[in-house]
Amino acid sequence: QVQLVESGGGLAQAGGSLRLSCVASGRIFSDYTMGWYRQAPGKQRDWVARITSAGLTKYEDSVKGRFTISRDNAKNTVYLQMNSLKPEDTAVYYCNTAPSHIWSWGQGTQVTVSS
């Protein structure tokens, strides 16, 4: 049973930065492509970024050039560095495998960006 624990969210001003972390316990995740997803109030959960086990990355268009996904397989951790934040980035952020999630969702971490 894999447990995903996201952290690092909070309140930021537009133009600011936050760094999210996600630790996976219960299974070595180095063989999996990992992704970050987000769910804004009243909307479905959408994919934001993903990184393969080899470190290849892909981003949703609205975050390209602003967000950077990375991973540390030794720590079973995936990160999301978010720069130049916009109010529309406000959401609960989750990590999971990608492009399809195969593990249970964690509790997520709330990111709120004020204008």
PDB file of N, CA and C in Angstrom:
ATOM      1  N   GLN A   1       0.857  -1.188   0.000  1.00  0.00           N
ATOM      2  CA  GLN A   1       0.000   0.000   0.000  1.00  0.00           C
ATOM      3  C   GLN A   1       0.893   1.238   0.000  1.00  0.00           C
ATOM      4  N   VAL A   2       0.779   2.042  -1.036  1.00  0.00           N
ATOM      5  CA  VAL A   2       1.580   3.252  -1.139  1.00  0.00           C
ATOM      6  C   VAL A   2       0.834   4.403  -0.483  1.00  0.00           C
ATOM      7  N   GLN A   3       1.564   5.157   0.301  1.00  0.00           N
ATOM      8  CA  GLN A   3       1.009   6.379   0.876  1.00  0.00           C
ATOM      9  C   GLN A   3       1.734   7.571   0.284  1.00  0.00           C
ATOM     10  N   LEU A   4       0.979   8.544  -0.158  1.00  0.00           N
ATOM     11  CA  LEU A   4       1.527   9.765  -0.726  1.00  0.00           C
ATOM     12  C   LEU A   4       1.243  10.916   0.234  1.00  0.00           C
ATOM     13  N   VAL A   5       2.300  11.654   0.573  1.00  0.00           N
ATOM     14  CA  VAL A   5       2.141  12.778   1.489  1.00  0.00           C
ATOM     15  C   VAL A   5       2.709  14.028   0.839  1.00  0.00           C
ATOM     16  N   GLU A   6       1.816  14.954   0.527  1.00  0.00           N
ATOM     17  CA  GLU A   6       2.212  16.210  -0.091  1.00  0.00           C
ATOM     18  C   GLU A   6       2.373  17.296   0.972  1.00  0.00           C
ATOM     19  N   SER A   7       3.297  18.215   0.710  1.00  0.00           N
ATOM     20  CA  SER A   7       3.522  19.322   1.637  1.00  0.00           C
ATOM     21  C   SER A   7       4.117  20.501   0.886  1.00  0.00           C
ATOM     22  N   GLY A   8       4.188  21.636   1.564  1.00  0.00           N
ATOM     23  CA  GLY A   8       4.833  22.799   0.997  1.00  0.00           C
ATOM     24  C   GLY A   8       3.907  23.872   0.482  1.00  0.00           C
ATOM     25  N   GLY A   9       2.618  23.606   0.498  1.00  0.00           N
ATOM     26  CA  GLY A   9       1.678  24.609   0.041  1.00  0.00           C
ATOM     27  C   GLY A   9       1.552  25.760   1.022  1.00  0.00           C
ATOM     28  N   GLY A  10       0.755  26.733   0.653  1.00  0.00           N
ATOM     29  CA  GLY A  10       0.544  27.881   1.524  1.00  0.00           C
ATOM     30  C   GLY A  10      -0.025  29.041   0.739  1.00  0.00           C
ATOM     31  N   LEU A  11       0.109  30.207   1.333  1.00  0.00           N
ATOM     32  CA  LEU A  11      -0.387  31.434   0.727  1.00  0.00           C
ATOM     33  C   LEU A  11       0.784  32.187   0.109  1.00  0.00           C
ATOM     34  N   ALA A  12       0.626  32.595  -1.138  1.00  0.00           N
ATOM     35  CA  ALA A  12       1.657  33.356  -1.825  1.00  0.00           C
ATOM     36  C   ALA A  12       1.007  34.504  -2.584  1.00  0.00           C
ATOM     37  N   GLN A  13       1.762  35.544  -2.797  1.00  0.00           N
ATOM     38  CA  GLN A  13       1.291  36.644  -3.617  1.00  0.00           C
ATOM     39  C   GLN A  13       1.568  36.343  -5.083  1.00  0.00           C
ATOM     40  N   ALA A  14       0.798  36.943  -5.935  1.00  0.00           N
ATOM     41  CA  ALA A  14       1.055  36.795  -7.362  1.00  0.00           C
ATOM     42  C   ALA A  14       2.495  37.208  -7.670  1.00  0.00           C
ATOM     43  N   GLY A  15       3.147  36.387  -8.472  1.00  0.00           N
ATOM     44  CA  GLY A  15       4.553  36.613  -8.774  1.00  0.00           C
ATOM     45  C   GLY A  15       5.505  35.904  -7.836  1.00  0.00           C
ATOM     46  N   GLY A  16       4.977  35.348  -6.770  1.00  0.00           N
ATOM     47  CA  GLY A  16       5.810  34.676  -5.790  1.00  0.00           C
ATOM     48  C   GLY A  16       6.099  33.225  -6.157  1.00  0.00           C
ATOM     49  N   SER A  17       6.726  32.529  -5.218  1.00  0.00           N
ATOM     50  CA  SER A  17       7.160  31.150  -5.454  1.00  0.00           C
ATOM     51  C   SER A  17       6.798  30.254  -4.278  1.00  0.00           C
ATOM     52  N   LEU A  18       6.607  28.994  -4.581  1.00  0.00           N
ATOM     53  CA  LEU A  18       6.430  27.951  -3.580  1.00  0.00           C
ATOM     54  C   LEU A  18       7.092  26.687  -4.105  1.00  0.00           C
ATOM     55  N   ARG A  19       7.523  25.832  -3.191  1.00  0.00           N
ATOM     56  CA  ARG A  19       8.084  24.541  -3.578  1.00  0.00           C
ATOM     57  C   ARG A  19       7.316  23.439  -2.863  1.00  0.00           C
ATOM     58  N   LEU A  20       6.706  22.589  -3.647  1.00  0.00           N
ATOM     59  CA  LEU A  20       5.942  21.475  -3.110  1.00  0.00           C
ATOM     60  C   LEU A  20       6.791  20.213  -3.088  1.00  0.00           C
ATOM     61  N   SER A  21       6.512  19.368  -2.100  1.00  0.00           N
ATOM     62  CA  SER A  21       7.176  18.069  -1.998  1.00  0.00           C
ATOM     63  C   SER A  21       6.133  16.978  -1.859  1.00  0.00           C
ATOM     64  N   CYS A  22       6.484  15.807  -2.337  1.00  0.00           N
ATOM     65  CA  CYS A  22       5.608  14.643  -2.193  1.00  0.00           C
ATOM     66  C   CYS A  22       6.474  13.431  -1.900  1.00  0.00           C
ATOM     67  N   VAL A  23       6.223  12.807  -0.770  1.00  0.00           N
ATOM     68  CA  VAL A  23       6.964  11.609  -0.381  1.00  0.00           C
ATOM     69  C   VAL A  23       6.062  10.395  -0.543  1.00  0.00           C
ATOM     70  N   ALA A  24       6.599   9.374  -1.194  1.00  0.00           N
ATOM     71  CA  ALA A  24       5.870   8.117  -1.382  1.00  0.00           C
ATOM     72  C   ALA A  24       6.469   7.060  -0.464  1.00  0.00           C
ATOM     73  N   SER A  25       5.644   6.474   0.351  1.00  0.00           N
ATOM     74  CA  SER A  25       6.121   5.429   1.253  1.00  0.00           C
ATOM     75  C   SER A  25       5.439   4.118   0.928  1.00  0.00           C
ATOM     76  N   GLY A  26       6.077   3.047   1.230  1.00  0.00           N
ATOM     77  CA  GLY A  26       5.478   1.740   1.031  1.00  0.00           C
ATOM     78  C   GLY A  26       5.904   1.056  -0.250  1.00  0.00           C
ATOM     79  N   ARG A  27       6.508   1.784  -1.133  1.00  0.00           N
ATOM     80  CA  ARG A  27       6.977   1.187  -2.387  1.00  0.00           C
ATOM     81  C   ARG A  27       8.047   2.092  -2.997  1.00  0.00           C
ATOM     82  N   ILE A  28       9.049   1.462  -3.580  1.00  0.00           N
ATOM     83  CA  ILE A  28      10.068   2.257  -4.265  1.00  0.00           C
ATOM     84  C   ILE A  28       9.458   2.786  -5.551  1.00  0.00           C
ATOM     85  N   PHE A  29       9.525   4.090  -5.739  1.00  0.00           N
ATOM     86  CA  PHE A  29       8.818   4.652  -6.876  1.00  0.00           C
ATOM     87  C   PHE A  29       9.747   4.990  -8.037  1.00  0.00           C
ATOM     88  N   SER A  30      11.012   4.581  -7.952  1.00  0.00           N
ATOM     89  CA  SER A  30      11.976   4.992  -8.963  1.00  0.00           C
ATOM     90  C   SER A  30      11.629   4.505 -10.371  1.00  0.00           C
ATOM     91  N   ASP A  31      10.865   3.435 -10.487  1.00  0.00           N
ATOM     92  CA  ASP A  31      10.523   2.915 -11.807  1.00  0.00           C
ATOM     93  C   ASP A  31       9.315   3.598 -12.435  1.00  0.00           C
ATOM     94  N   TYR A  32       8.660   4.447 -11.683  1.00  0.00           N
ATOM     95  CA  TYR A  32       7.405   5.039 -12.132  1.00  0.00           C
ATOM     96  C   TYR A  32       7.588   6.476 -12.620  1.00  0.00           C
ATOM     97  N   THR A  33       6.835   6.817 -13.665  1.00  0.00           N
ATOM     98  CA  THR A  33       6.667   8.225 -14.011  1.00  0.00           C
ATOM     99  C   THR A  33       5.755   8.848 -12.956  1.00  0.00           C
ATOM    100  N   MET A  34       6.203   9.959 -12.398  1.00  0.00           N
ATOM    101  CA  MET A  34       5.435  10.640 -11.356  1.00  0.00           C
ATOM    102  C   MET A  34       4.919  11.973 -11.869  1.00  0.00           C
ATOM    103  N   GLY A  35       3.790  12.361 -11.348  1.00  0.00           N
ATOM    104  CA  GLY A  35       3.199  13.601 -11.801  1.00  0.00           C
ATOM    105  C   GLY A  35       2.613  14.420 -10.668  1.00  0.00           C
ATOM    106  N   TRP A  36       2.411  15.684 -10.954  1.00  0.00           N
ATOM    107  CA  TRP A  36       1.656  16.584 -10.085  1.00  0.00           C
ATOM    108  C   TRP A  36       0.331  16.907 -10.770  1.00  0.00           C
ATOM    109  N   TYR A  37      -0.701  16.963  -9.956  1.00  0.00           N
ATOM    110  CA  TYR A  37      -2.041  17.281 -10.409  1.00  0.00           C
ATOM    111  C   TYR A  37      -2.573  18.396  -9.519  1.00  0.00           C
ATOM    112  N   ARG A  38      -3.606  19.070  -9.965  1.00  0.00           N
ATOM    113  CA  ARG A  38      -4.233  20.083  -9.124  1.00  0.00           C
ATOM    114  C   ARG A  38      -5.735  20.117  -9.360  1.00  0.00           C
ATOM    115  N   GLN A  39      -6.437  20.520  -8.299  1.00  0.00           N
ATOM    116  CA  GLN A  39      -7.890  20.619  -8.367  1.00  0.00           C
ATOM    117  C   GLN A  39      -8.322  21.946  -7.765  1.00  0.00           C
ATOM    118  N   ALA A  40      -8.846  22.807  -8.610  1.00  0.00           N
ATOM    119  CA  ALA A  40      -9.368  24.087  -8.154  1.00  0.00           C
ATOM    120  C   ALA A  40     -10.797  23.893  -7.677  1.00  0.00           C
ATOM    121  N   PRO A  41     -11.309  24.793  -6.841  1.00  0.00           N
ATOM    122  CA  PRO A  41     -12.674  24.660  -6.327  1.00  0.00           C
ATOM    123  C   PRO A  41     -13.694  24.542  -7.448  1.00  0.00           C
ATOM    124  N   GLY A  42     -14.530  23.519  -7.362  1.00  0.00           N
ATOM    125  CA  GLY A  42     -15.586  23.331  -8.342  1.00  0.00           C
ATOM    126  C   GLY A  42     -15.132  22.769  -9.673  1.00  0.00           C
ATOM    127  N   LYS A  43     -13.870  22.384  -9.772  1.00  0.00           N
ATOM    128  CA  LYS A  43     -13.349  21.873 -11.037  1.00  0.00           C
ATOM    129  C   LYS A  43     -12.800  20.467 -10.852  1.00  0.00           C
ATOM    130  N   GLN A  44     -12.564  19.783 -11.964  1.00  0.00           N
ATOM    131  CA  GLN A  44     -11.995  18.446 -11.896  1.00  0.00           C
ATOM    132  C   GLN A  44     -10.497  18.531 -11.634  1.00  0.00           C
ATOM    133  N   ARG A  45      -9.942  17.430 -11.208  1.00  0.00           N
ATOM    134  CA  ARG A  45      -8.501  17.363 -10.996  1.00  0.00           C
ATOM    135  C   ARG A  45      -7.792  17.235 -12.336  1.00  0.00           C
ATOM    136  N   ASP A  46      -6.804  18.079 -12.570  1.00  0.00           N
ATOM    137  CA  ASP A  46      -6.101  18.105 -13.840  1.00  0.00           C
ATOM    138  C   ASP A  46      -4.611  17.855 -13.624  1.00  0.00           C
ATOM    139  N   TRP A  47      -4.015  17.297 -14.648  1.00  0.00           N
ATOM    140  CA  TRP A  47      -2.574  17.060 -14.629  1.00  0.00           C
ATOM    141  C   TRP A  47      -1.832  18.375 -14.843  1.00  0.00           C
ATOM    142  N   VAL A  48      -0.676  18.532 -14.179  1.00  0.00           N
ATOM    143  CA  VAL A  48       0.122  19.748 -14.271  1.00  0.00           C
ATOM    144  C   VAL A  48       1.505  19.477 -14.875  1.00  0.00           C
ATOM    145  N   ALA A  49       2.162  18.432 -14.370  1.00  0.00           N
ATOM    146  CA  ALA A  49       3.520  18.145 -14.823  1.00  0.00           C
ATOM    147  C   ALA A  49       3.835  16.690 -14.522  1.00  0.00           C
ATOM    148  N   ARG A  50       4.766  16.125 -15.281  1.00  0.00           N
ATOM    149  CA  ARG A  50       5.197  14.765 -14.978  1.00  0.00           C
ATOM    150  C   ARG A  50       6.677  14.604 -15.291  1.00  0.00           C
ATOM    151  N   ILE A  51       7.275  13.582 -14.654  1.00  0.00           N
ATOM    152  CA  ILE A  51       8.693  13.308 -14.837  1.00  0.00           C
ATOM    153  C   ILE A  51       8.889  11.801 -14.880  1.00  0.00           C
ATOM    154  N   THR A  52       9.618  11.348 -15.876  1.00  0.00           N
ATOM    155  CA  THR A  52       9.866   9.917 -16.007  1.00  0.00           C
ATOM    156  C   THR A  52      10.943   9.482 -15.025  1.00  0.00           C
ATOM    157  N   SER A  53      11.144   8.189 -14.937  1.00  0.00           N
ATOM    158  CA  SER A  53      12.183   7.670 -14.063  1.00  0.00           C
ATOM    159  C   SER A  53      13.571   8.128 -14.525  1.00  0.00           C
ATOM    160  N   ALA A  54      13.692   8.445 -15.817  1.00  0.00           N
ATOM    161  CA  ALA A  54      14.966   8.912 -16.368  1.00  0.00           C
ATOM    162  C   ALA A  54      15.124  10.424 -16.269  1.00  0.00           C
ATOM    163  N   GLY A  55      14.091  11.095 -15.787  1.00  0.00           N
ATOM    164  CA  GLY A  55      14.188  12.537 -15.612  1.00  0.00           C
ATOM    165  C   GLY A  55      13.643  13.384 -16.739  1.00  0.00           C
ATOM    166  N   LEU A  56      12.975  12.768 -17.700  1.00  0.00           N
ATOM    167  CA  LEU A  56      12.355  13.537 -18.777  1.00  0.00           C
ATOM    168  C   LEU A  56      11.075  14.170 -18.253  1.00  0.00           C
ATOM    169  N   THR A  57      10.855  15.415 -18.613  1.00  0.00           N
ATOM    170  CA  THR A  57       9.723  16.156 -18.055  1.00  0.00           C
ATOM    171  C   THR A  57       8.761  16.632 -19.134  1.00  0.00           C
ATOM    172  N   LYS A  58       7.528  16.861 -18.693  1.00  0.00           N
ATOM    173  CA  LYS A  58       6.511  17.409 -19.575  1.00  0.00           C
ATOM    174  C   LYS A  58       5.576  18.255 -18.722  1.00  0.00           C
ATOM    175  N   TYR A  59       5.088  19.352 -19.310  1.00  0.00           N
ATOM    176  CA  TYR A  59       4.267  20.297 -18.560  1.00  0.00           C
ATOM    177  C   TYR A  59       2.999  20.657 -19.304  1.00  0.00           C
ATOM    178  N   GLU A  60       1.967  20.918 -18.536  1.00  0.00           N
ATOM    179  CA  GLU A  60       0.741  21.472 -19.088  1.00  0.00           C
ATOM    180  C   GLU A  60       1.061  22.890 -19.564  1.00  0.00           C
ATOM    181  N   ASP A  61       0.406  23.326 -20.625  1.00  0.00           N
ATOM    182  CA  ASP A  61       0.790  24.575 -21.276  1.00  0.00           C
ATOM    183  C   ASP A  61       0.774  25.778 -20.333  1.00  0.00           C
ATOM    184  N   SER A  62      -0.187  25.850 -19.439  1.00  0.00           N
ATOM    185  CA  SER A  62      -0.327  27.054 -18.615  1.00  0.00           C
ATOM    186  C   SER A  62       0.797  27.214 -17.585  1.00  0.00           C
ATOM    187  N   VAL A  63       1.575  26.170 -17.343  1.00  0.00           N
ATOM    188  CA  VAL A  63       2.636  26.270 -16.344  1.00  0.00           C
ATOM    189  C   VAL A  63       4.024  26.198 -16.958  1.00  0.00           C
ATOM    190  N   LYS A  64       4.100  25.990 -18.256  1.00  0.00           N
ATOM    191  CA  LYS A  64       5.413  25.916 -18.912  1.00  0.00           C
ATOM    192  C   LYS A  64       6.209  27.199 -18.671  1.00  0.00           C
ATOM    193  N   GLY A  65       7.478  27.022 -18.327  1.00  0.00           N
ATOM    194  CA  GLY A  65       8.345  28.168 -18.073  1.00  0.00           C
ATOM    195  C   GLY A  65       8.218  28.736 -16.678  1.00  0.00           C
ATOM    196  N   ARG A  66       7.218  28.284 -15.914  1.00  0.00           N
ATOM    197  CA  ARG A  66       7.020  28.783 -14.549  1.00  0.00           C
ATOM    198  C   ARG A  66       7.234  27.696 -13.502  1.00  0.00           C
ATOM    199  N   PHE A  67       6.824  26.477 -13.812  1.00  0.00           N
ATOM    200  CA  PHE A  67       6.923  25.353 -12.875  1.00  0.00           C
ATOM    201  C   PHE A  67       8.029  24.408 -13.333  1.00  0.00           C
ATOM    202  N   THR A  68       8.690  23.785 -12.355  1.00  0.00           N
ATOM    203  CA  THR A  68       9.714  22.791 -12.638  1.00  0.00           C
ATOM    204  C   THR A  68       9.507  21.579 -11.743  1.00  0.00           C
ATOM    205  N   ILE A  69       9.365  20.426 -12.365  1.00  0.00           N
ATOM    206  CA  ILE A  69       9.219  19.184 -11.613  1.00  0.00           C
ATOM    207  C   ILE A  69      10.575  18.494 -11.534  1.00  0.00           C
ATOM    208  N   SER A  70      10.856  17.892 -10.402  1.00  0.00           N
ATOM    209  CA  SER A  70      12.106  17.149 -10.226  1.00  0.00           C
ATOM    210  C   SER A  70      11.842  16.000  -9.262  1.00  0.00           C
ATOM    211  N   ARG A  71      12.813  15.118  -9.143  1.00  0.00           N
ATOM    212  CA  ARG A  71      12.634  13.973  -8.256  1.00  0.00           C
ATOM    213  C   ARG A  71      13.955  13.559  -7.643  1.00  0.00           C
ATOM    214  N   ASP A  72      13.853  12.939  -6.479  1.00  0.00           N
ATOM    215  CA  ASP A  72      15.009  12.357  -5.798  1.00  0.00           C
ATOM    216  C   ASP A  72      14.610  10.929  -5.463  1.00  0.00           C
ATOM    217  N   ASN A  73      15.049   9.996  -6.289  1.00  0.00           N
ATOM    218  CA  ASN A  73      14.625   8.612  -6.102  1.00  0.00           C
ATOM    219  C   ASN A  73      15.151   8.019  -4.798  1.00  0.00           C
ATOM    220  N   ALA A  74      16.294   8.471  -4.343  1.00  0.00           N
ATOM    221  CA  ALA A  74      16.836   7.962  -3.089  1.00  0.00           C
ATOM    222  C   ALA A  74      15.948   8.323  -1.902  1.00  0.00           C
ATOM    223  N   LYS A  75      15.206   9.401  -2.062  1.00  0.00           N
ATOM    224  CA  LYS A  75      14.313   9.859  -0.991  1.00  0.00           C
ATOM    225  C   LYS A  75      12.849   9.569  -1.292  1.00  0.00           C
ATOM    226  N   ASN A  76      12.592   8.884  -2.404  1.00  0.00           N
ATOM    227  CA  ASN A  76      11.193   8.611  -2.808  1.00  0.00           C
ATOM    228  C   ASN A  76      10.373   9.891  -2.830  1.00  0.00           C
ATOM    229  N   THR A  77      10.960  10.950  -3.335  1.00  0.00           N
ATOM    230  CA  THR A  77      10.327  12.264  -3.281  1.00  0.00           C
ATOM    231  C   THR A  77      10.304  12.920  -4.651  1.00  0.00           C
ATOM    232  N   VAL A  78       9.181  13.555  -4.936  1.00  0.00           N
ATOM    233  CA  VAL A  78       9.054  14.356  -6.148  1.00  0.00           C
ATOM    234  C   VAL A  78       8.722  15.783  -5.726  1.00  0.00           C
ATOM    235  N   TYR A  79       9.268  16.749  -6.453  1.00  0.00           N
ATOM    236  CA  TYR A  79       9.120  18.156  -6.109  1.00  0.00           C
ATOM    237  C   TYR A  79       8.434  18.919  -7.233  1.00  0.00           C
ATOM    238  N   LEU A  80       7.853  20.048  -6.869  1.00  0.00           N
ATOM    239  CA  LEU A  80       7.329  20.974  -7.861  1.00  0.00           C
ATOM    240  C   LEU A  80       7.706  22.386  -7.421  1.00  0.00           C
ATOM    241  N   GLN A  81       8.647  22.964  -8.147  1.00  0.00           N
ATOM    242  CA  GLN A  81       9.026  24.347  -7.906  1.00  0.00           C
ATOM    243  C   GLN A  81       8.111  25.233  -8.737  1.00  0.00           C
ATOM    244  N   MET A  82       7.404  26.117  -8.067  1.00  0.00           N
ATOM    245  CA  MET A  82       6.434  26.968  -8.732  1.00  0.00           C
ATOM    246  C   MET A  82       6.873  28.420  -8.600  1.00  0.00           C
ATOM    247  N   ASN A  83       7.174  29.037  -9.720  1.00  0.00           N
ATOM    248  CA  ASN A  83       7.575  30.441  -9.759  1.00  0.00           C
ATOM    249  C   ASN A  83       6.548  31.260 -10.525  1.00  0.00           C
ATOM    250  N   SER A  84       6.651  32.572 -10.391  1.00  0.00           N
ATOM    251  CA  SER A  84       5.736  33.488 -11.103  1.00  0.00           C
ATOM    252  C   SER A  84       4.287  33.048 -10.923  1.00  0.00           C
ATOM    253  N   LEU A  85       3.927  32.778  -9.703  1.00  0.00           N
ATOM    254  CA  LEU A  85       2.591  32.266  -9.421  1.00  0.00           C
ATOM    255  C   LEU A  85       1.510  33.260  -9.815  1.00  0.00           C
ATOM    256  N   LYS A  86       0.377  32.714 -10.244  1.00  0.00           N
ATOM    257  CA  LYS A  86      -0.777  33.504 -10.656  1.00  0.00           C
ATOM    258  C   LYS A  86      -1.984  33.087  -9.811  1.00  0.00           C
ATOM    259  N   PRO A  87      -2.957  33.975  -9.650  1.00  0.00           N
ATOM    260  CA  PRO A  87      -4.165  33.595  -8.887  1.00  0.00           C
ATOM    261  C   PRO A  87      -4.826  32.339  -9.436  1.00  0.00           C
ATOM    262  N   GLU A  88      -4.758  32.121 -10.735  1.00  0.00           N
ATOM    263  CA  GLU A  88      -5.374  30.924 -11.318  1.00  0.00           C
ATOM    264  C   GLU A  88      -4.631  29.638 -10.983  1.00  0.00           C
ATOM    265  N   ASP A  89      -3.480  29.739 -10.328  1.00  0.00           N
ATOM    266  CA  ASP A  89      -2.789  28.542  -9.842  1.00  0.00           C
ATOM    267  C   ASP A  89      -3.362  28.058  -8.507  1.00  0.00           C
ATOM    268  N   THR A  90      -4.269  28.816  -7.936  1.00  0.00           N
ATOM    269  CA  THR A  90      -4.888  28.427  -6.667  1.00  0.00           C
ATOM    270  C   THR A  90      -5.629  27.101  -6.826  1.00  0.00           C
ATOM    271  N   ALA A  91      -5.260  26.134  -5.990  1.00  0.00           N
ATOM    272  CA  ALA A  91      -5.826  24.793  -6.078  1.00  0.00           C
ATOM    273  C   ALA A  91      -5.224  23.938  -4.973  1.00  0.00           C
ATOM    274  N   VAL A  92      -5.789  22.748  -4.824  1.00  0.00           N
ATOM    275  CA  VAL A  92      -5.138  21.721  -4.009  1.00  0.00           C
ATOM    276  C   VAL A  92      -4.265  20.901  -4.957  1.00  0.00           C
ATOM    277  N   TYR A  93      -3.022  20.722  -4.593  1.00  0.00           N
ATOM    278  CA  TYR A  93      -2.058  20.019  -5.435  1.00  0.00           C
ATOM    279  C   TYR A  93      -1.797  18.618  -4.886  1.00  0.00           C
ATOM    280  N   TYR A  94      -1.773  17.660  -5.791  1.00  0.00           N
ATOM    281  CA  TYR A  94      -1.571  16.259  -5.455  1.00  0.00           C
ATOM    282  C   TYR A  94      -0.454  15.673  -6.326  1.00  0.00           C
ATOM    283  N   CYS A  95       0.171  14.622  -5.837  1.00  0.00           N
ATOM    284  CA  CYS A  95       1.088  13.860  -6.674  1.00  0.00           C
ATOM    285  C   CYS A  95       0.546  12.440  -6.818  1.00  0.00           C
ATOM    286  N   ASN A  96       0.988  11.772  -7.862  1.00  0.00           N
ATOM    287  CA  ASN A  96       0.619  10.390  -8.114  1.00  0.00           C
ATOM    288  C   ASN A  96       1.409   9.929  -9.332  1.00  0.00           C
ATOM    289  N   THR A  97       1.233   8.697  -9.718  1.00  0.00           N
ATOM    290  CA  THR A  97       1.868   8.239 -10.944  1.00  0.00           C
ATOM    291  C   THR A  97       1.208   8.946 -12.135  1.00  0.00           C
ATOM    292  N   ALA A  98       1.898   8.945 -13.231  1.00  0.00           N
ATOM    293  CA  ALA A  98       1.404   9.636 -14.428  1.00  0.00           C
ATOM    294  C   ALA A  98       1.813   8.826 -15.662  1.00  0.00           C
ATOM    295  N   PRO A  99       1.081   8.957 -16.761  1.00  0.00           N
ATOM    296  CA  PRO A  99      -0.057   9.840 -16.964  1.00  0.00           C
ATOM    297  C   PRO A  99      -1.355   9.371 -16.323  1.00  0.00           C
ATOM    298  N   SER A 100      -1.407   8.139 -15.872  1.00  0.00           N
ATOM    299  CA  SER A 100      -2.585   7.674 -15.136  1.00  0.00           C
ATOM    300  C   SER A 100      -2.194   7.411 -13.686  1.00  0.00           C
ATOM    301  N   HIS A 101      -3.067   7.795 -12.769  1.00  0.00           N
ATOM    302  CA  HIS A 101      -2.762   7.553 -11.368  1.00  0.00           C
ATOM    303  C   HIS A 101      -3.149   6.126 -11.023  1.00  0.00           C
ATOM    304  N   ILE A 102      -2.229   5.426 -10.340  1.00  0.00           N
ATOM    305  CA  ILE A 102      -2.499   4.034  -9.961  1.00  0.00           C
ATOM    306  C   ILE A 102      -2.532   3.842  -8.458  1.00  0.00           C
ATOM    307  N   TRP A 103      -2.150   4.862  -7.727  1.00  0.00           N
ATOM    308  CA  TRP A 103      -2.167   4.775  -6.270  1.00  0.00           C
ATOM    309  C   TRP A 103      -3.286   5.639  -5.699  1.00  0.00           C
ATOM    310  N   SER A 104      -3.634   5.376  -4.461  1.00  0.00           N
ATOM    311  CA  SER A 104      -4.645   6.192  -3.809  1.00  0.00           C
ATOM    312  C   SER A 104      -4.120   7.618  -3.638  1.00  0.00           C
ATOM    313  N   TRP A 105      -5.010   8.573  -3.746  1.00  0.00           N
ATOM    314  CA  TRP A 105      -4.611   9.968  -3.591  1.00  0.00           C
ATOM    315  C   TRP A 105      -4.262  10.279  -2.137  1.00  0.00           C
ATOM    316  N   GLY A 106      -3.287  11.157  -1.974  1.00  0.00           N
ATOM    317  CA  GLY A 106      -2.989  11.683  -0.656  1.00  0.00           C
ATOM    318  C   GLY A 106      -3.961  12.798  -0.305  1.00  0.00           C
ATOM    319  N   GLN A 107      -3.640  13.513   0.764  1.00  0.00           N
ATOM    320  CA  GLN A 107      -4.542  14.585   1.207  1.00  0.00           C
ATOM    321  C   GLN A 107      -4.342  15.866   0.408  1.00  0.00           C
ATOM    322  N   GLY A 108      -3.248  15.941  -0.327  1.00  0.00           N
ATOM    323  CA  GLY A 108      -2.970  17.138  -1.107  1.00  0.00           C
ATOM    324  C   GLY A 108      -2.426  18.267  -0.248  1.00  0.00           C
ATOM    325  N   THR A 109      -1.997  19.324  -0.928  1.00  0.00           N
ATOM    326  CA  THR A 109      -1.518  20.512  -0.222  1.00  0.00           C
ATOM    327  C   THR A 109      -2.112  21.735  -0.911  1.00  0.00           C
ATOM    328  N   GLN A 110      -2.687  22.606  -0.116  1.00  0.00           N
ATOM    329  CA  GLN A 110      -3.402  23.774  -0.634  1.00  0.00           C
ATOM    330  C   GLN A 110      -2.431  24.876  -1.022  1.00  0.00           C
ATOM    331  N   VAL A 111      -2.604  25.383  -2.226  1.00  0.00           N
ATOM    332  CA  VAL A 111      -1.857  26.543  -2.702  1.00  0.00           C
ATOM    333  C   VAL A 111      -2.867  27.650  -2.986  1.00  0.00           C
ATOM    334  N   THR A 112      -2.659  28.787  -2.371  1.00  0.00           N
ATOM    335  CA  THR A 112      -3.533  29.938  -2.574  1.00  0.00           C
ATOM    336  C   THR A 112      -2.687  31.122  -3.006  1.00  0.00           C
ATOM    337  N   VAL A 113      -3.016  31.687  -4.150  1.00  0.00           N
ATOM    338  CA  VAL A 113      -2.263  32.814  -4.689  1.00  0.00           C
ATOM    339  C   VAL A 113      -3.166  34.040  -4.710  1.00  0.00           C
ATOM    340  N   SER A 114      -2.731  35.071  -4.028  1.00  0.00           N
ATOM    341  CA  SER A 114      -3.517  36.309  -3.961  1.00  0.00           C
ATOM    342  C   SER A 114      -3.009  37.305  -4.995  1.00  0.00           C
ATOM    343  N   SER A 115      -3.941  38.086  -5.493  1.00  0.00           N
ATOM    344  CA  SER A 115      -3.576  39.064  -6.532  1.00  0.00           C
ATOM    345  C   SER A 115      -3.106  40.372  -5.919  1.00  0.00           C
TER     346      SER A 115
END
